[in-house]
Full PDB file with SEQRES, HELIX, SHEET, SSBOND, CRYST1, ORIGX, SCALE, CONECT and MASTER records, all heavy atoms in Angstrom:
SEQRES   1 A   35  ALA ALA GLU THR HIS VAL ASP ARG SER ILE GLU ASP ALA          
SEQRES   2 A   35  SER ALA PHE VAL ARG THR ASN VAL ILE GLY THR GLN VAL          
SEQRES   3 A   35  LEU LEU ASP ALA ALA ARG ARG HIS GLY                          
HELIX    1 AA1 VAL A    6  GLU A   11  1                                   6    
HELIX    2 AA2 SER A   14  PHE A   16  1                                   3    
HELIX    3 AA3 VAL A   17  ILE A   22  3                                   6    
HELIX    4 AA4 GLY A   23  ARG A   33  1                                  11    
CRYST1    1.000    1.000    1.000  90.00  90.00  90.00 P 1           1          
ORIGX1      1.000000  0.000000  0.000000        0.00000                         
ORIGX2      0.000000  1.000000  0.000000        0.00000                         
ORIGX3      0.000000  0.000000  1.000000        0.00000                         
SCALE1      1.000000  0.000000  0.000000        0.00000                         
SCALE2      0.000000  1.000000  0.000000        0.00000                         
SCALE3      0.000000  0.000000  1.000000        0.00000                         
ATOM      1  N   ALA A   1      70.309-147.313   1.964  1.00  0.00           N  
ATOM      2  CA  ALA A   1      70.817-146.662   3.172  1.00  0.00           C  
ATOM      3  C   ALA A   1      70.010-147.105   4.384  1.00  0.00           C  
ATOM      4  O   ALA A   1      68.796-146.888   4.451  1.00  0.00           O  
ATOM      5  CB  ALA A   1      70.749-145.139   3.013  1.00  0.00           C  
ATOM      6  N   ALA A   2      70.680-147.714   5.345  1.00  0.00           N  
ATOM      7  CA  ALA A   2      69.988-148.212   6.536  1.00  0.00           C  
ATOM      8  C   ALA A   2      71.000-148.605   7.595  1.00  0.00           C  
ATOM      9  O   ALA A   2      72.113-149.023   7.290  1.00  0.00           O  
ATOM     10  CB  ALA A   2      69.124-149.430   6.185  1.00  0.00           C  
ATOM     11  N   GLU A   3      70.582-148.463   8.835  1.00  0.00           N  
ATOM     12  CA  GLU A   3      71.260-149.133   9.936  1.00  0.00           C  
ATOM     13  C   GLU A   3      70.693-150.547   9.979  1.00  0.00           C  
ATOM     14  O   GLU A   3      69.467-150.727   9.941  1.00  0.00           O  
ATOM     15  CB  GLU A   3      70.995-148.413  11.259  1.00  0.00           C  
ATOM     16  CG  GLU A   3      71.520-146.993  11.307  1.00  0.00           C  
ATOM     17  CD  GLU A   3      73.031-146.939  11.471  1.00  0.00           C  
ATOM     18  OE1 GLU A   3      73.627-147.985  11.826  1.00  0.00           O  
ATOM     19  OE2 GLU A   3      73.611-145.868  11.241  1.00  0.00           O  
ATOM     20  N   THR A   4      71.564-151.574  10.063  1.00  0.00           N  
ATOM     21  CA  THR A   4      71.072-152.936   9.851  1.00  0.00           C  
ATOM     22  C   THR A   4      71.410-153.938  10.938  1.00  0.00           C  
ATOM     23  O   THR A   4      70.882-155.050  10.915  1.00  0.00           O  
ATOM     24  CB  THR A   4      71.619-153.506   8.523  1.00  0.00           C  
ATOM     25  OG1 THR A   4      73.047-153.653   8.630  1.00  0.00           O  
ATOM     26  CG2 THR A   4      71.271-152.605   7.353  1.00  0.00           C  
ATOM     27  N   HIS A   5      72.287-153.607  11.872  1.00  0.00           N  
ATOM     28  CA  HIS A   5      72.762-154.643  12.791  1.00  0.00           C  
ATOM     29  C   HIS A   5      71.832-154.750  13.993  1.00  0.00           C  
ATOM     30  O   HIS A   5      71.677-153.802  14.768  1.00  0.00           O  
ATOM     31  CB  HIS A   5      74.183-154.337  13.245  1.00  0.00           C  
ATOM     32  CG  HIS A   5      74.853-155.498  13.909  1.00  0.00           C  
ATOM     33  ND1 HIS A   5      74.835-156.771  13.399  1.00  0.00           N  
ATOM     34  CD2 HIS A   5      75.564-155.586  15.062  1.00  0.00           C  
ATOM     35  CE1 HIS A   5      75.506-157.583  14.189  1.00  0.00           C  
ATOM     36  NE2 HIS A   5      75.962-156.886  15.213  1.00  0.00           N  
ATOM     37  N   VAL A   6      71.206-155.914  14.161  1.00  0.00           N  
ATOM     38  CA  VAL A   6      70.192-156.110  15.197  1.00  0.00           C  
ATOM     39  C   VAL A   6      70.754-155.820  16.584  1.00  0.00           C  
ATOM     40  O   VAL A   6      70.109-155.145  17.401  1.00  0.00           O  
ATOM     41  CB  VAL A   6      69.607-157.535  15.126  1.00  0.00           C  
ATOM     42  CG1 VAL A   6      68.667-157.787  16.305  1.00  0.00           C  
ATOM     43  CG2 VAL A   6      68.857-157.738  13.815  1.00  0.00           C  
ATOM     44  N   ASP A   7      71.948-156.324  16.872  1.00  0.00           N  
ATOM     45  CA  ASP A   7      72.515-156.121  18.207  1.00  0.00           C  
ATOM     46  C   ASP A   7      72.661-154.638  18.533  1.00  0.00           C  
ATOM     47  O   ASP A   7      72.395-154.206  19.662  1.00  0.00           O  
ATOM     48  CB  ASP A   7      73.881-156.798  18.310  1.00  0.00           C  
ATOM     49  CG  ASP A   7      73.773-158.311  18.328  1.00  0.00           C  
ATOM     50  OD1 ASP A   7      72.656-158.817  18.479  1.00  0.00           O  
ATOM     51  OD2 ASP A   7      74.811-158.990  18.177  1.00  0.00           O  
ATOM     52  N   ARG A   8      73.089-153.847  17.557  1.00  0.00           N  
ATOM     53  CA  ARG A   8      73.225-152.408  17.784  1.00  0.00           C  
ATOM     54  C   ARG A   8      71.858-151.766  18.028  1.00  0.00           C  
ATOM     55  O   ARG A   8      71.731-150.824  18.816  1.00  0.00           O  
ATOM     56  CB  ARG A   8      73.927-151.746  16.596  1.00  0.00           C  
ATOM     57  CG  ARG A   8      75.395-152.124  16.453  1.00  0.00           C  
ATOM     58  CD  ARG A   8      75.997-151.529  15.182  1.00  0.00           C  
ATOM     59  NE  ARG A   8      77.370-151.971  14.963  1.00  0.00           N  
ATOM     60  CZ  ARG A   8      78.451-151.270  15.282  1.00  0.00           C  
ATOM     61  NH1 ARG A   8      78.312-150.073  15.831  1.00  0.00           N  
ATOM     62  NH2 ARG A   8      79.660-151.745  15.046  1.00  0.00           N  
ATOM     63  N   SER A   9      70.823-152.257  17.335  1.00  0.00           N  
ATOM     64  CA  SER A   9      69.484-151.682  17.533  1.00  0.00           C  
ATOM     65  C   SER A   9      68.948-151.985  18.921  1.00  0.00           C  
ATOM     66  O   SER A   9      68.168-151.207  19.478  1.00  0.00           O  
ATOM     67  CB  SER A   9      68.517-152.203  16.463  1.00  0.00           C  
ATOM     68  OG  SER A   9      68.046-153.512  16.731  1.00  0.00           O  
ATOM     69  N   ILE A  10      69.342-153.118  19.483  1.00  0.00           N  
ATOM     70  CA  ILE A  10      68.914-153.473  20.838  1.00  0.00           C  
ATOM     71  C   ILE A  10      69.561-152.541  21.859  1.00  0.00           C  
ATOM     72  O   ILE A  10      68.935-152.126  22.834  1.00  0.00           O  
ATOM     73  CB  ILE A  10      69.250-154.951  21.125  1.00  0.00           C  
ATOM     74  CG1 ILE A  10      68.375-155.866  20.250  1.00  0.00           C  
ATOM     75  CG2 ILE A  10      69.044-155.281  22.604  1.00  0.00           C  
ATOM     76  CD1 ILE A  10      68.781-157.322  20.276  1.00  0.00           C  
ATOM     77  N   GLU A  11      70.801-152.174  21.599  1.00  0.00           N  
ATOM     78  CA  GLU A  11      71.508-151.272  22.517  1.00  0.00           C  
ATOM     79  C   GLU A  11      70.977-149.847  22.432  1.00  0.00           C  
ATOM     80  O   GLU A  11      70.843-149.158  23.438  1.00  0.00           O  
ATOM     81  CB  GLU A  11      73.009-151.286  22.203  1.00  0.00           C  
ATOM     82  CG  GLU A  11      73.700-152.607  22.498  1.00  0.00           C  
ATOM     83  CD  GLU A  11      73.613-153.002  23.952  1.00  0.00           C  
ATOM     84  OE1 GLU A  11      73.775-152.107  24.816  1.00  0.00           O  
ATOM     85  OE2 GLU A  11      73.375-154.192  24.231  1.00  0.00           O  
ATOM     86  N   ASP A  12      70.665-149.379  21.222  1.00  0.00           N  
ATOM     87  CA  ASP A  12      70.183-148.002  21.026  1.00  0.00           C  
ATOM     88  C   ASP A  12      69.466-147.933  19.679  1.00  0.00           C  
ATOM     89  O   ASP A  12      70.106-148.037  18.632  1.00  0.00           O  
ATOM     90  CB  ASP A  12      71.345-147.014  21.057  1.00  0.00           C  
ATOM     91  CG  ASP A  12      70.893-145.564  20.919  1.00  0.00           C  
ATOM     92  OD1 ASP A  12      69.665-145.322  20.801  1.00  0.00           O  
ATOM     93  OD2 ASP A  12      71.756-144.676  20.922  1.00  0.00           O  
ATOM     94  N   ALA A  13      68.170-147.738  19.716  1.00  0.00           N  
ATOM     95  CA  ALA A  13      67.370-147.769  18.487  1.00  0.00           C  
ATOM     96  C   ALA A  13      67.281-146.414  17.798  1.00  0.00           C  
ATOM     97  O   ALA A  13      66.745-146.326  16.684  1.00  0.00           O  
ATOM     98  CB  ALA A  13      65.955-148.271  18.794  1.00  0.00           C  
ATOM     99  N   SER A  14      67.807-145.349  18.396  1.00  0.00           N  
ATOM    100  CA  SER A  14      67.563-144.005  17.871  1.00  0.00           C  
ATOM    101  C   SER A  14      68.112-143.819  16.462  1.00  0.00           C  
ATOM    102  O   SER A  14      67.447-143.223  15.597  1.00  0.00           O  
ATOM    103  CB  SER A  14      68.151-142.954  18.819  1.00  0.00           C  
ATOM    104  OG  SER A  14      69.537-143.149  19.004  1.00  0.00           O  
ATOM    105  N   ALA A  15      69.323-144.312  16.191  1.00  0.00           N  
ATOM    106  CA  ALA A  15      69.894-144.168  14.849  1.00  0.00           C  
ATOM    107  C   ALA A  15      69.077-144.935  13.816  1.00  0.00           C  
ATOM    108  O   ALA A  15      68.992-144.536  12.649  1.00  0.00           O  
ATOM    109  CB  ALA A  15      71.341-144.654  14.844  1.00  0.00           C  
ATOM    110  N   PHE A  16      68.475-146.022  14.224  1.00  0.00           N  
ATOM    111  CA  PHE A  16      67.664-146.839  13.322  1.00  0.00           C  
ATOM    112  C   PHE A  16      66.377-146.118  12.939  1.00  0.00           C  
ATOM    113  O   PHE A  16      65.952-146.146  11.780  1.00  0.00           O  
ATOM    114  CB  PHE A  16      67.358-148.189  13.973  1.00  0.00           C  
ATOM    115  CG  PHE A  16      68.576-149.059  14.128  1.00  0.00           C  
ATOM    116  CD1 PHE A  16      69.517-148.802  15.123  1.00  0.00           C  
ATOM    117  CD2 PHE A  16      68.808-150.114  13.276  1.00  0.00           C  
ATOM    118  CE1 PHE A  16      70.655-149.579  15.260  1.00  0.00           C  
ATOM    119  CE2 PHE A  16      69.941-150.902  13.398  1.00  0.00           C  
ATOM    120  CZ  PHE A  16      70.868-150.627  14.389  1.00  0.00           C  
ATOM    121  N   VAL A  17      65.779-145.443  13.910  1.00  0.00           N  
ATOM    122  CA  VAL A  17      64.569-144.667  13.616  1.00  0.00           C  
ATOM    123  C   VAL A  17      64.923-143.489  12.706  1.00  0.00           C  
ATOM    124  O   VAL A  17      64.225-143.218  11.726  1.00  0.00           O  
ATOM    125  CB  VAL A  17      63.909-144.182  14.924  1.00  0.00           C  
ATOM    126  CG1 VAL A  17      62.739-143.250  14.617  1.00  0.00           C  
ATOM    127  CG2 VAL A  17      63.431-145.382  15.741  1.00  0.00           C  
ATOM    128  N   ARG A  18      66.011-142.812  13.002  1.00  0.00           N  
ATOM    129  CA  ARG A  18      66.391-141.642  12.195  1.00  0.00           C  
ATOM    130  C   ARG A  18      66.684-142.038  10.750  1.00  0.00           C  
ATOM    131  O   ARG A  18      66.132-141.450   9.811  1.00  0.00           O  
ATOM    132  CB  ARG A  18      67.614-140.946  12.804  1.00  0.00           C  
ATOM    133  CG  ARG A  18      68.160-139.820  11.939  1.00  0.00           C  
ATOM    134  CD  ARG A  18      69.342-139.116  12.573  1.00  0.00           C  
ATOM    135  NE  ARG A  18      70.041-138.282  11.594  1.00  0.00           N  
ATOM    136  CZ  ARG A  18      69.625-137.102  11.170  1.00  0.00           C  
ATOM    137  NH1 ARG A  18      68.494-136.597  11.634  1.00  0.00           N  
ATOM    138  NH2 ARG A  18      70.317-136.419  10.269  1.00  0.00           N  
ATOM    139  N   THR A  19      67.558-143.003  10.555  1.00  0.00           N  
ATOM    140  CA  THR A  19      67.967-143.356   9.195  1.00  0.00           C  
ATOM    141  C   THR A  19      66.886-144.150   8.469  1.00  0.00           C  
ATOM    142  O   THR A  19      66.495-143.812   7.352  1.00  0.00           O  
ATOM    143  CB  THR A  19      69.275-144.163   9.222  1.00  0.00           C  
ATOM    144  OG1 THR A  19      70.306-143.358   9.790  1.00  0.00           O  
ATOM    145  CG2 THR A  19      69.681-144.581   7.818  1.00  0.00           C  
ATOM    146  N   ASN A  20      66.405-145.213   9.091  1.00  0.00           N  
ATOM    147  CA  ASN A  20      65.535-146.148   8.387  1.00  0.00           C  
ATOM    148  C   ASN A  20      64.126-145.611   8.186  1.00  0.00           C  
ATOM    149  O   ASN A  20      63.501-145.894   7.152  1.00  0.00           O  
ATOM    150  CB  ASN A  20      65.480-147.476   9.145  1.00  0.00           C  
ATOM    151  CG  ASN A  20      66.847-148.121   9.281  1.00  0.00           C  
ATOM    152  OD1 ASN A  20      67.838-147.598   8.778  1.00  0.00           O  
ATOM    153  ND2 ASN A  20      66.913-149.238   9.964  1.00  0.00           N  
ATOM    154  N   VAL A  21      63.608-144.854   9.153  1.00  0.00           N  
ATOM    155  CA  VAL A  21      62.240-144.344   9.047  1.00  0.00           C  
ATOM    156  C   VAL A  21      62.231-142.913   8.505  1.00  0.00           C  
ATOM    157  O   VAL A  21      61.711-142.648   7.418  1.00  0.00           O  
ATOM    158  CB  VAL A  21      61.516-144.412  10.411  1.00  0.00           C  
ATOM    159  CG1 VAL A  21      60.084-143.902  10.273  1.00  0.00           C  
ATOM    160  CG2 VAL A  21      61.513-145.849  10.939  1.00  0.00           C  
ATOM    161  N   ILE A  22      62.847-141.998   9.253  1.00  0.00           N  
ATOM    162  CA  ILE A  22      62.833-140.597   8.822  1.00  0.00           C  
ATOM    163  C   ILE A  22      63.571-140.443   7.488  1.00  0.00           C  
ATOM    164  O   ILE A  22      63.102-139.736   6.582  1.00  0.00           O  
ATOM    165  CB  ILE A  22      63.458-139.692   9.907  1.00  0.00           C  
ATOM    166  CG1 ILE A  22      62.602-139.739  11.180  1.00  0.00           C  
ATOM    167  CG2 ILE A  22      63.614-138.260   9.400  1.00  0.00           C  
ATOM    168  CD1 ILE A  22      63.212-139.036  12.366  1.00  0.00           C  
ATOM    169  N   GLY A  23      64.711-141.107   7.352  1.00  0.00           N  
ATOM    170  CA  GLY A  23      65.468-141.003   6.106  1.00  0.00           C  
ATOM    171  C   GLY A  23      64.684-141.474   4.906  1.00  0.00           C  
ATOM    172  O   GLY A  23      64.736-140.853   3.829  1.00  0.00           O  
ATOM    173  N   THR A  24      63.939-142.552   5.048  1.00  0.00           N  
ATOM    174  CA  THR A  24      63.126-143.045   3.930  1.00  0.00           C  
ATOM    175  C   THR A  24      62.048-142.039   3.558  1.00  0.00           C  
ATOM    176  O   THR A  24      61.798-141.793   2.364  1.00  0.00           O  
ATOM    177  CB  THR A  24      62.503-144.406   4.289  1.00  0.00           C  
ATOM    178  OG1 THR A  24      63.553-145.352   4.524  1.00  0.00           O  
ATOM    179  CG2 THR A  24      61.611-144.920   3.167  1.00  0.00           C  
ATOM    180  N   GLN A  25      61.411-141.425   4.563  1.00  0.00           N  
ATOM    181  CA  GLN A  25      60.382-140.437   4.252  1.00  0.00           C  
ATOM    182  C   GLN A  25      60.974-139.211   3.570  1.00  0.00           C  
ATOM    183  O   GLN A  25      60.384-138.658   2.629  1.00  0.00           O  
ATOM    184  CB  GLN A  25      59.644-140.018   5.526  1.00  0.00           C  
ATOM    185  CG  GLN A  25      58.459-139.095   5.283  1.00  0.00           C  
ATOM    186  CD  GLN A  25      57.396-139.755   4.426  1.00  0.00           C  
ATOM    187  OE1 GLN A  25      56.904-140.829   4.762  1.00  0.00           O  
ATOM    188  NE2 GLN A  25      57.021-139.119   3.315  1.00  0.00           N  
ATOM    189  N   VAL A  26      62.148-138.783   4.017  1.00  0.00           N  
ATOM    190  CA  VAL A  26      62.829-137.656   3.368  1.00  0.00           C  
ATOM    191  C   VAL A  26      63.083-137.977   1.895  1.00  0.00           C  
ATOM    192  O   VAL A  26      62.847-137.150   0.995  1.00  0.00           O  
ATOM    193  CB  VAL A  26      64.144-137.317   4.096  1.00  0.00           C  
ATOM    194  CG1 VAL A  26      65.004-136.371   3.260  1.00  0.00           C  
ATOM    195  CG2 VAL A  26      63.848-136.686   5.458  1.00  0.00           C  
ATOM    196  N   LEU A  27      63.572-139.176   1.614  1.00  0.00           N  
ATOM    197  CA  LEU A  27      63.849-139.573   0.232  1.00  0.00           C  
ATOM    198  C   LEU A  27      62.573-139.625  -0.602  1.00  0.00           C  
ATOM    199  O   LEU A  27      62.556-139.172  -1.755  1.00  0.00           O  
ATOM    200  CB  LEU A  27      64.533-140.937   0.204  1.00  0.00           C  
ATOM    201  CG  LEU A  27      65.996-140.992   0.640  1.00  0.00           C  
ATOM    202  CD1 LEU A  27      66.459-142.439   0.722  1.00  0.00           C  
ATOM    203  CD2 LEU A  27      66.881-140.209  -0.325  1.00  0.00           C  
ATOM    204  N   LEU A  28      61.519-140.177  -0.045  1.00  0.00           N  
ATOM    205  CA  LEU A  28      60.241-140.257  -0.775  1.00  0.00           C  
ATOM    206  C   LEU A  28      59.737-138.858  -1.124  1.00  0.00           C  
ATOM    207  O   LEU A  28      59.309-138.602  -2.260  1.00  0.00           O  
ATOM    208  CB  LEU A  28      59.205-141.003   0.062  1.00  0.00           C  
ATOM    209  CG  LEU A  28      59.384-142.513   0.180  1.00  0.00           C  
ATOM    210  CD1 LEU A  28      58.517-143.051   1.321  1.00  0.00           C  
ATOM    211  CD2 LEU A  28      59.034-143.213  -1.125  1.00  0.00           C  
ATOM    212  N   ASP A  29      59.776-137.953  -0.149  1.00  0.00           N  
ATOM    213  CA  ASP A  29      59.295-136.589  -0.393  1.00  0.00           C  
ATOM    214  C   ASP A  29      60.140-135.888  -1.455  1.00  0.00           C  
ATOM    215  O   ASP A  29      59.612-135.230  -2.362  1.00  0.00           O  
ATOM    216  CB  ASP A  29      59.338-135.780   0.909  1.00  0.00           C  
ATOM    217  CG  ASP A  29      58.318-136.252   1.936  1.00  0.00           C  
ATOM    218  OD1 ASP A  29      57.356-136.960   1.551  1.00  0.00           O  
ATOM    219  OD2 ASP A  29      58.483-135.921   3.128  1.00  0.00           O  
ATOM    220  N   ALA A  30      61.455-136.034  -1.346  1.00  0.00           N  
ATOM    221  CA  ALA A  30      62.339-135.376  -2.312  1.00  0.00           C  
ATOM    222  C   ALA A  30      62.172-135.970  -3.706  1.00  0.00           C  
ATOM    223  O   ALA A  30      62.175-135.244  -4.711  1.00  0.00           O  
ATOM    224  CB  ALA A  30      63.790-135.498  -1.855  1.00  0.00           C  
ATOM    225  N   ALA A  31      62.028-137.273  -3.794  1.00  0.00           N  
ATOM    226  CA  ALA A  31      61.835-137.911  -5.096  1.00  0.00           C  
ATOM    227  C   ALA A  31      60.565-137.395  -5.759  1.00  0.00           C  
ATOM    228  O   ALA A  31      60.531-137.158  -6.977  1.00  0.00           O  
ATOM    229  CB  ALA A  31      61.777-139.427  -4.928  1.00  0.00           C  
ATOM    230  N   ARG A  32      59.548-137.189  -4.976  1.00  0.00           N  
ATOM    231  CA  ARG A  32      58.283-136.662  -5.531  1.00  0.00           C  
ATOM    232  C   ARG A  32      58.452-135.217  -6.001  1.00  0.00           C  
ATOM    233  O   ARG A  32      58.005-134.843  -7.085  1.00  0.00           O  
ATOM    234  CB  ARG A  32      57.182-136.770  -4.478  1.00  0.00           C  
ATOM    235  CG  ARG A  32      55.777-136.565  -5.005  1.00  0.00           C  
ATOM    236  CD  ARG A  32      54.729-137.004  -4.006  1.00  0.00           C  
ATOM    237  NE  ARG A  32      54.760-136.237  -2.763  1.00  0.00           N  
ATOM    238  CZ  ARG A  32      55.207-136.711  -1.595  1.00  0.00           C  
ATOM    239  NH1 ARG A  32      55.682-137.943  -1.513  1.00  0.00           N  
ATOM    240  NH2 ARG A  32      55.191-135.958  -0.508  1.00  0.00           N  
ATOM    241  N   ARG A  33      59.152-134.401  -5.207  1.00  0.00           N  
ATOM    242  CA  ARG A  33      59.357-133.001  -5.585  1.00  0.00           C  
ATOM    243  C   ARG A  33      60.189-132.862  -6.853  1.00  0.00           C  
ATOM    244  O   ARG A  33      59.955-131.956  -7.662  1.00  0.00           O  
ATOM    245  CB  ARG A  33      60.046-132.234  -4.449  1.00  0.00           C  
ATOM    246  CG  ARG A  33      59.150-131.873  -3.295  1.00  0.00           C  
ATOM    247  CD  ARG A  33      59.807-130.836  -2.409  1.00  0.00           C  
ATOM    248  NE  ARG A  33      61.083-131.297  -1.864  1.00  0.00           N  
ATOM    249  CZ  ARG A  33      61.195-131.979  -0.729  1.00  0.00           C  
ATOM    250  NH1 ARG A  33      60.114-132.308  -0.043  1.00  0.00           N  
ATOM    251  NH2 ARG A  33      62.384-132.349  -0.292  1.00  0.00           N  
ATOM    252  N   HIS A  34      61.149-133.758  -7.011  1.00  0.00           N  
ATOM    253  CA  HIS A  34      62.091-133.637  -8.131  1.00  0.00           C  
ATOM    254  C   HIS A  34      61.707-134.503  -9.324  1.00  0.00           C  
ATOM    255  O   HIS A  34      62.490-134.621 -10.267  1.00  0.00           O  
ATOM    256  CB  HIS A  34      63.508-133.969  -7.650  1.00  0.00           C  
ATOM    257  CG  HIS A  34      64.079-132.942  -6.715  1.00  0.00           C  
ATOM    258  ND1 HIS A  34      64.747-131.822  -7.166  1.00  0.00           N  
ATOM    259  CD2 HIS A  34      64.049-132.843  -5.367  1.00  0.00           C  
ATOM    260  CE1 HIS A  34      65.125-131.091  -6.122  1.00  0.00           C  
ATOM    261  NE2 HIS A  34      64.716-131.697  -5.021  1.00  0.00           N  
ATOM    262  N   GLY A  35      60.530-135.075  -9.285  1.00  0.00           N  
ATOM    263  CA  GLY A  35      60.029-135.803 -10.439  1.00  0.00           C  
ATOM    264  C   GLY A  35      60.772-137.093 -10.758  1.00  0.00           C  
ATOM    265  O   GLY A  35      60.858-137.489 -11.925  1.00  0.00           O  
TER     266      GLY A  35                                                      
MASTER        0    0    0    4    0    0    0    6  265    1    0    3          
END                                                                             
């Protein structure tokens, strides 16, 4: 799961930070909690 298109990230990076960074941390934390 990721936003991947470079041109879109140049126009607005907010979705990229939310999905690619925050989303990955959410998944890591949940994976640890659920074993």
